[in-house]
C-alpha atoms as a PDB file:
ATOM      1  CA  MET A   1     171.002  86.051  54.348  1.00  0.00           C
ATOM      2  CA  HIS A   2     171.348  83.387  51.648  1.00  0.00           C
ATOM      3  CA  GLY A   3     173.805  83.567  48.803  1.00  0.00           C
ATOM      4  CA  PRO A   4     177.499  84.333  48.408  1.00  0.00           C
ATOM      5  CA  ALA A   5     179.217  86.333  51.106  1.00  0.00           C
ATOM      6  CA  SER A   6     180.497  89.237  48.961  1.00  0.00           C
ATOM      7  CA  PRO A   7     177.071  90.545  47.828  1.00  0.00           C
ATOM      8  CA  GLY A   8     175.899  90.132  51.407  1.00  0.00           C
ATOM      9  CA  TRP A   9     178.753  92.264  52.690  1.00  0.00           C
ATOM     10  CA  LEU A  10     178.054  94.897  50.027  1.00  0.00           C
ATOM     11  CA  LEU A  11     174.455  94.985  51.227  1.00  0.00           C
ATOM     12  CA  VAL A  12     175.646  95.308  54.838  1.00  0.00           C
ATOM     13  CA  ALA A  13     177.918  98.213  53.839  1.00  0.00           C
ATOM     14  CA  LEU A  14     175.165  99.957  51.861  1.00  0.00           C
ATOM     15  CA  CYS A  15     172.636  99.653  54.683  1.00  0.00           C
ATOM     16  CA  ALA A  16     175.116 100.691  57.383  1.00  0.00           C
ATOM     17  CA  ALA A  17     176.240 103.731  55.362  1.00  0.00           C
ATOM     18  CA  THR A  18     172.608 104.675  54.784  1.00  0.00           C
ATOM     19  CA  GLY A  19     171.873 104.309  58.498  1.00  0.00           C
ATOM     20  CA  ALA A  20     174.895 106.470  59.333  1.00  0.00           C
ATOM     21  CA  TYR A  21     173.750 109.209  56.953  1.00  0.00           C
ATOM     22  CA  CYS A  22     170.288 109.068  58.497  1.00  0.00           C
ATOM     23  CA  LEU A  23     171.886 109.613  61.915  1.00  0.00           C
ATOM     24  CA  LEU A  24     173.553 112.705  60.447  1.00  0.00           C
ATOM     25  CA  ARG A  25     170.147 113.879  59.192  1.00  0.00           C
ATOM     26  CA  MET A  26     168.847 113.663  62.765  1.00  0.00           C
ATOM     27  CA  ARG A  27     170.875 116.811  63.491  1.00  0.00           C
ATOM     28  CA  SER A  28     168.899 118.758  60.876  1.00  0.00           C
ATOM     29  CA  GLY A  29     167.254 122.047  61.733  1.00  0.00           C
ATOM     30  CA  VAL A  30     164.074 120.831  60.005  1.00  0.00           C
ATOM     31  CA  GLU A  31     161.816 118.964  62.429  1.00  0.00           C
ATOM     32  CA  GLU A  32     160.291 116.625  59.844  1.00  0.00           C
ATOM     33  CA  GLN A  33     163.786 115.661  58.624  1.00  0.00           C
ATOM     34  CA  ARG A  34     164.746 114.708  62.185  1.00  0.00           C
ATOM     35  CA  ARG A  35     161.608 112.647  62.770  1.00  0.00           C
ATOM     36  CA  SER A  36     161.879 110.764  59.501  1.00  0.00           C
ATOM     37  CA  ALA A  37     165.648 110.284  59.828  1.00  0.00           C
ATOM     38  CA  GLY A  38     165.394 108.397  63.117  1.00  0.00           C
ATOM     39  CA  THR A  39     163.041 105.821  61.665  1.00  0.00           C
ATOM     40  CA  GLU A  40     165.185 105.484  58.554  1.00  0.00           C
ATOM     41  CA  ALA A  41     168.380 105.101  60.617  1.00  0.00           C
ATOM     42  CA  LEU A  42     166.763 102.248  62.553  1.00  0.00           C
ATOM     43  CA  MET A  43     165.735 100.654  59.270  1.00  0.00           C
ATOM     44  CA  GLY A  44     169.225 101.028  57.760  1.00  0.00           C
ATOM     45  CA  PHE A  45     171.047  99.528  60.730  1.00  0.00           C
ATOM     46  CA  GLY A  46     168.439  96.784  61.142  1.00  0.00           C
ATOM     47  CA  MET A  47     168.761  95.835  57.487  1.00  0.00           C
ATOM     48  CA  ALA A  48     172.563  95.837  57.820  1.00  0.00           C
ATOM     49  CA  ALA A  49     172.340  93.451  60.774  1.00  0.00           C
ATOM     50  CA  MET A  50     169.903  91.144  58.980  1.00  0.00           C
ATOM     51  CA  ALA A  51     172.008  91.152  55.792  1.00  0.00           C
ATOM     52  CA  VAL A  52     175.149  89.717  57.396  1.00  0.00           C
ATOM     53  CA  PRO A  53     175.872  86.552  55.374  1.00  0.00           C
ATOM     54  CA  ALA A  54     174.746  83.371  57.128  1.00  0.00           C
ATOM     55  CA  ALA A  55     178.000  81.645  56.179  1.00  0.00           C
ATOM     56  CA  VAL A  56     179.886  84.187  58.292  1.00  0.00           C
ATOM     57  CA  PHE A  57     177.608  84.631  61.282  1.00  0.00           C
ATOM     58  CA  ALA A  58     174.677  82.517  62.354  1.00  0.00           C
ATOM     59  CA  PRO A  59     172.352  84.694  64.437  1.00  0.00           C
ATOM     60  CA  PRO A  60     171.398  83.370  67.871  1.00  0.00           C
ATOM     61  CA  PRO A  61     167.937  81.781  68.169  1.00  0.00           C
ATOM     62  CA  TRP A  62     166.506  84.854  69.902  1.00  0.00           C
ATOM     63  CA  ALA A  63     167.633  87.296  67.166  1.00  0.00           C
ATOM     64  CA  ALA A  64     164.535  86.843  64.998  1.00  0.00           C
ATOM     65  CA  ALA A  65     162.264  87.558  67.960  1.00  0.00           C
ATOM     66  CA  ALA A  66     164.315  90.649  68.794  1.00  0.00           C
ATOM     67  CA  TYR A  67     164.071  91.929  65.191  1.00  0.00           C
ATOM     68  CA  ALA A  68     160.337  91.234  65.122  1.00  0.00           C
ATOM     69  CA  THR A  69     159.815  93.050  68.435  1.00  0.00           C
ATOM     70  CA  VAL A  70     161.896  96.109  67.504  1.00  0.00           C
ATOM     71  CA  PHE A  71     160.351  96.488  64.056  1.00  0.00           C
ATOM     72  CA  GLY A  72     156.874  95.644  65.328  1.00  0.00           C
ATOM     73  CA  GLY A  73     157.226  98.581  67.729  1.00  0.00           C
ATOM     74  CA  ALA A  74     158.524 100.755  64.908  1.00  0.00           C
ATOM     75  CA  ALA A  75     155.538  99.711  62.769  1.00  0.00           C
ATOM     76  CA  LEU A  76     153.136 100.763  65.524  1.00  0.00           C
ATOM     77  CA  ARG A  77     154.934 104.105  65.812  1.00  0.00           C
ATOM     78  CA  ALA A  78     154.744 104.571  62.026  1.00  0.00           C
ATOM     79  CA  LEU A  79     151.041 103.748  62.085  1.00  0.00           C
ATOM     80  CA  TRP A  80     150.508 106.394  64.762  1.00  0.00           C
ATOM     81  CA  ALA A  81     152.622 108.963  62.883  1.00  0.00           C
ATOM     82  CA  ALA A  82     150.791 108.261  59.608  1.00  0.00           C
ATOM     83  CA  ARG A  83     147.791 110.121  61.001  1.00  0.00           C
ATOM     84  CA  ALA A  84     149.688 113.383  60.490  1.00  0.00           C
ATOM     85  CA  ASP A  85     151.908 112.544  57.496  1.00  0.00           C
ATOM     86  CA  ALA A  86     151.193 109.954  54.807  1.00  0.00           C
ATOM     87  CA  HIS A  87     154.949 109.428  54.238  1.00  0.00           C
ATOM     88  CA  HIS A  88     154.923 107.316  57.390  1.00  0.00           C
ATOM     89  CA  LEU A  89     152.782 104.747  55.580  1.00  0.00           C
ATOM     90  CA  HIS A  90     155.937 103.850  53.656  1.00  0.00           C
ATOM     91  CA  HIS A  91     157.738 103.407  56.977  1.00  0.00           C
ATOM     92  CA  LEU A  92     154.867 101.203  58.112  1.00  0.00           C
ATOM     93  CA  VAL A  93     155.279  98.980  55.045  1.00  0.00           C
ATOM     94  CA  GLY A  94     159.056  98.834  55.546  1.00  0.00           C
ATOM     95  CA  ASP A  95     158.786  97.989  59.235  1.00  0.00           C
ATOM     96  CA  THR A  96     156.158  95.349  58.496  1.00  0.00           C
ATOM     97  CA  ALA A  97     158.452  93.864  55.827  1.00  0.00           C
ATOM     98  CA  MET A  98     161.233  93.665  58.399  1.00  0.00           C
ATOM     99  CA  VAL A  99     158.942  91.856  60.855  1.00  0.00           C
ATOM    100  CA  TYR A 100     157.915  89.487  58.055  1.00  0.00           C
ATOM    101  CA  MET A 101     161.539  88.754  57.132  1.00  0.00           C
ATOM    102  CA  ALA A 102     162.473  88.174  60.779  1.00  0.00           C
ATOM    103  CA  LEU A 103     159.593  85.728  61.195  1.00  0.00           C
ATOM    104  CA  ALA A 104     160.482  83.988  57.922  1.00  0.00           C
ATOM    105  CA  MET A 105     164.073  83.619  59.130  1.00  0.00           C
ATOM    106  CA  ALA A 106     162.889  82.152  62.431  1.00  0.00           C
ATOM    107  CA  GLY A 107     160.447  79.728  60.816  1.00  0.00           C
ATOM    108  CA  SER A 108     162.775  78.197  58.241  1.00  0.00           C
ATOM    109  CA  PRO A 109     165.331  75.427  58.664  1.00  0.00           C
ATOM    110  CA  GLY A 110     168.730  76.901  59.374  1.00  0.00           C
ATOM    111  CA  GLY A 111     167.166  80.219  60.287  1.00  0.00           C
ATOM    112  CA  HIS A 112     167.077  81.729  56.801  1.00  0.00           C
ATOM    113  CA  GLY A 113     164.418  82.166  54.159  1.00  0.00           C
ATOM    114  CA  HIS A 114     161.721  79.964  52.700  1.00  0.00           C
ATOM    115  CA  GLY A 115     164.082  77.350  51.321  1.00  0.00           C
ATOM    116  CA  GLY A 116     162.873  76.869  47.758  1.00  0.00           C
ATOM    117  CA  SER A 117     159.169  76.629  48.542  1.00  0.00           C
ATOM    118  CA  GLY A 118     158.376  79.241  45.915  1.00  0.00           C
ATOM    119  CA  VAL A 119     157.530  82.891  46.456  1.00  0.00           C
ATOM    120  CA  PRO A 120     154.794  83.335  49.061  1.00  0.00           C
ATOM    121  CA  ALA A 121     152.096  85.874  48.231  1.00  0.00           C
ATOM    122  CA  LEU A 122     153.230  88.404  50.860  1.00  0.00           C
ATOM    123  CA  THR A 123     156.799  88.270  49.572  1.00  0.00           C
ATOM    124  CA  GLY A 124     155.481  88.909  46.050  1.00  0.00           C
ATOM    125  CA  VAL A 125     153.365  91.863  47.198  1.00  0.00           C
ATOM    126  CA  LEU A 126     156.308  93.361  49.093  1.00  0.00           C
ATOM    127  CA  LEU A 127     158.581  92.853  46.081  1.00  0.00           C
ATOM    128  CA  LEU A 128     156.080  94.651  43.843  1.00  0.00           C
ATOM    129  CA  TYR A 129     155.711  97.508  46.336  1.00  0.00           C
ATOM    130  CA  PHE A 130     159.444  98.036  46.842  1.00  0.00           C
ATOM    131  CA  SER A 131     160.237  97.608  43.137  1.00  0.00           C
ATOM    132  CA  GLY A 132     157.697 100.322  42.349  1.00  0.00           C
ATOM    133  CA  TYR A 133     159.092 102.462  45.146  1.00  0.00           C
ATOM    134  CA  VAL A 134     162.636 102.083  43.766  1.00  0.00           C
ATOM    135  CA  LEU A 135     161.525 103.056  40.259  1.00  0.00           C
ATOM    136  CA  LEU A 136     159.591 106.075  41.526  1.00  0.00           C
ATOM    137  CA  SER A 137     162.409 107.170  43.840  1.00  0.00           C
ATOM    138  CA  GLY A 138     164.955 106.816  41.062  1.00  0.00           C
ATOM    139  CA  ALA A 139     162.812 108.910  38.733  1.00  0.00           C
ATOM    140  CA  ARG A 140     162.562 111.621  41.394  1.00  0.00           C
ATOM    141  CA  LEU A 141     166.359 111.859  41.517  1.00  0.00           C
ATOM    142  CA  VAL A 142     166.637 112.650  37.808  1.00  0.00           C
ATOM    143  CA  PRO A 143     166.878 116.425  37.392  1.00  0.00           C
ATOM    144  CA  VAL A 144     164.299 118.081  35.160  1.00  0.00           C
ATOM    145  CA  ALA A 145     165.727 120.149  32.281  1.00  0.00           C
ATOM    146  CA  GLY A 146     165.634 123.853  32.998  1.00  0.00           C
ATOM    147  CA  THR A 147     165.215 123.390  36.750  1.00  0.00           C
ATOM    148  CA  PRO A 148     167.766 125.204  38.880  1.00  0.00           C
ATOM    149  CA  ALA A 149     170.161 122.903  40.744  1.00  0.00           C
ATOM    150  CA  GLY A 150     168.971 124.087  44.144  1.00  0.00           C
ATOM    151  CA  PRO A 151     168.686 127.076  46.420  1.00  0.00           C
ATOM    152  CA  GLY A 152     171.640 129.388  46.729  1.00  0.00           C
ATOM    153  CA  GLY A 153     173.929 129.248  49.710  1.00  0.00           C
ATOM    154  CA  ALA A 154     175.391 126.402  51.682  1.00  0.00           C
ATOM    155  CA  VAL A 155     173.048 123.641  52.751  1.00  0.00           C
ATOM    156  CA  ALA A 156     173.913 121.334  55.633  1.00  0.00           C
ATOM    157  CA  TRP A 157     174.504 117.688  54.709  1.00  0.00           C
ATOM    158  CA  GLY A 158     171.557 116.598  56.795  1.00  0.00           C
ATOM    159  CA  ASP A 159     169.203 119.004  55.012  1.00  0.00           C
ATOM    160  CA  ARG A 160     169.949 118.090  51.394  1.00  0.00           C
ATOM    161  CA  PRO A 161     166.748 116.666  49.901  1.00  0.00           C
ATOM    162  CA  GLU A 162     168.520 114.874  47.058  1.00  0.00           C
ATOM    163  CA  LEU A 163     170.683 112.981  49.554  1.00  0.00           C
ATOM    164  CA  SER A 164     167.607 112.048  51.574  1.00  0.00           C
ATOM    165  CA  ARG A 165     165.989 110.702  48.407  1.00  0.00           C
ATOM    166  CA  ALA A 166     169.160 108.803  47.481  1.00  0.00           C
ATOM    167  CA  CYS A 167     169.215 107.353  50.996  1.00  0.00           C
ATOM    168  CA  ARG A 168     165.610 106.145  50.653  1.00  0.00           C
ATOM    169  CA  LEU A 169     166.354 104.775  47.190  1.00  0.00           C
ATOM    170  CA  SER A 170     169.319 102.815  48.578  1.00  0.00           C
ATOM    171  CA  MET A 171     167.196 101.308  51.318  1.00  0.00           C
ATOM    172  CA  GLY A 172     164.491 100.406  48.798  1.00  0.00           C
ATOM    173  CA  ILE A 173     167.040  98.626  46.608  1.00  0.00           C
ATOM    174  CA  ALA A 174     168.415  96.826  49.652  1.00  0.00           C
ATOM    175  CA  MET A 175     164.902  95.758  50.655  1.00  0.00           C
ATOM    176  CA  VAL A 176     164.289  94.301  47.180  1.00  0.00           C
ATOM    177  CA  ALA A 177     167.589  92.404  47.412  1.00  0.00           C
ATOM    178  CA  MET A 178     166.746  91.055  50.862  1.00  0.00           C
ATOM    179  CA  LEU A 179     163.271  89.988  49.809  1.00  0.00           C
ATOM    180  CA  LEU A 180     164.708  88.188  46.771  1.00  0.00           C
ATOM    181  CA  THR A 181     167.076  86.194  48.985  1.00  0.00           C
ATOM    182  CA  LEU A 182     164.407  85.348  51.556  1.00  0.00           C
END
């Protein structure tokens, strides 16, 4: 990733923490939570790996192909899963964005980004999508006046919907940051 090392490391930490929470969600008693959490954990850890500052670690030449292969497979899985649940279309867009970023990293001098050639159309479309997603996700986290805080009783960490939404919001913000540095 381009830019100073400290924001890059913060992005790595955010994405890794999000991936770790998604692994915790995989232990949920709710089947849909488990299915969605696995895809989101892969996305979180993949984003953490891609966000490591280039000044600290230069990925090997095969890394971009590995990212593209892993996230290409995840995109195909998301496309298949989208037949039953439209939420997987978001995963499809995210996985496709990861493939795009991996290919952009591989195709640029030094292995990172577009190098000042302006914002390509696909980058702009992805930025618009994820910016909208971040705004919508953030609005969904704001409690509505008069709405009870949640169901009574203890809820497992992996089953808390507000934490799942915060996790998705964090990954959306990270995706916007990564696209901006591409």
